[in-house]
Amino acid sequence: MQITSKIYKIPNSKDFSVEYIETQLKKIYMIIPLRWAIVEIKNDFIFINTSYAESTL
């Protein structure tokens, strides 16, 4: 197993929550992050720095 870090952008719902962010990461990018942090908020997008396990099979 390899840990990967990457910044993703998700739509800014203006009323976002932990559940919203994790659901969007799973739905759009098909990842379940080990941890994440908001690094930038713009009008249309939220930029999230993530770390997640990447399968090496």
Protein backbone atom coordinates (compact mmCIF):
# COMPACT_ATOMS: atom_id res chain seq x y z
CA MET A 1 0.00 0.00 0.00
CA GLN A 2 1.28 3.45 -0.92
CA ILE A 3 0.11 6.74 0.61
CA THR A 4 -0.51 9.48 -1.95
CA SER A 5 -1.00 13.19 -1.29
CA LYS A 6 -2.80 15.36 -3.81
CA ILE A 7 -4.89 18.52 -4.01
CA TYR A 8 -8.40 18.14 -5.42
CA LYS A 9 -11.11 20.68 -6.12
CA ILE A 10 -14.77 20.18 -5.36
CA PRO A 11 -17.76 22.46 -5.97
CA ASN A 12 -18.30 25.09 -3.29
CA SER A 13 -21.78 24.59 -1.88
CA LYS A 14 -21.38 27.72 0.32
CA ASP A 15 -22.74 25.64 3.22
CA PHE A 16 -20.30 22.74 3.25
CA SER A 17 -19.62 20.21 6.01
CA VAL A 18 -17.25 17.33 6.72
CA GLU A 19 -19.80 14.92 5.26
CA TYR A 20 -20.20 17.04 2.11
CA ILE A 21 -16.44 17.19 1.47
CA GLU A 22 -15.87 13.46 2.05
CA THR A 23 -18.89 12.54 -0.10
CA GLN A 24 -17.70 14.75 -2.95
CA LEU A 25 -14.16 13.30 -2.83
CA LYS A 26 -15.60 9.77 -2.99
CA LYS A 27 -18.19 10.60 -5.67
CA ILE A 28 -16.03 12.70 -8.02
CA TYR A 29 -12.54 11.24 -7.54
CA MET A 30 -13.36 7.80 -6.07
CA ILE A 31 -11.04 8.20 -3.07
CA ILE A 32 -11.60 7.78 0.64
CA PRO A 33 -9.06 10.08 2.29
CA LEU A 34 -7.10 9.11 5.38
CA ARG A 35 -6.96 12.81 6.13
CA TRP A 36 -7.70 16.05 4.37
CA ALA A 37 -7.51 19.80 4.87
CA ILE A 38 -9.05 22.78 3.12
CA VAL A 39 -6.24 24.79 1.53
CA GLU A 40 -8.21 27.38 -0.46
CA ILE A 41 -11.80 28.51 -0.89
CA LYS A 42 -12.94 30.31 -4.04
CA ASN A 43 -16.42 31.31 -5.18
CA ASP A 44 -16.96 28.16 -7.25
CA PHE A 45 -14.55 25.61 -5.75
CA ILE A 46 -12.97 24.39 -2.53
CA PHE A 47 -9.43 23.05 -2.82
CA ILE A 48 -8.71 20.08 -0.56
CA ASN A 49 -5.27 18.64 0.22
CA THR A 50 -5.76 14.90 0.73
CA SER A 51 -3.77 11.84 1.75
CA TYR A 52 -5.14 8.46 0.77
CA ALA A 53 -4.03 4.85 0.39
CA GLU A 54 -3.33 3.82 -3.16
CA SER A 55 -3.41 0.13 -3.99
CA THR A 56 -0.22 -1.23 -5.59
CA LEU A 57 -1.80 -4.42 -6.95
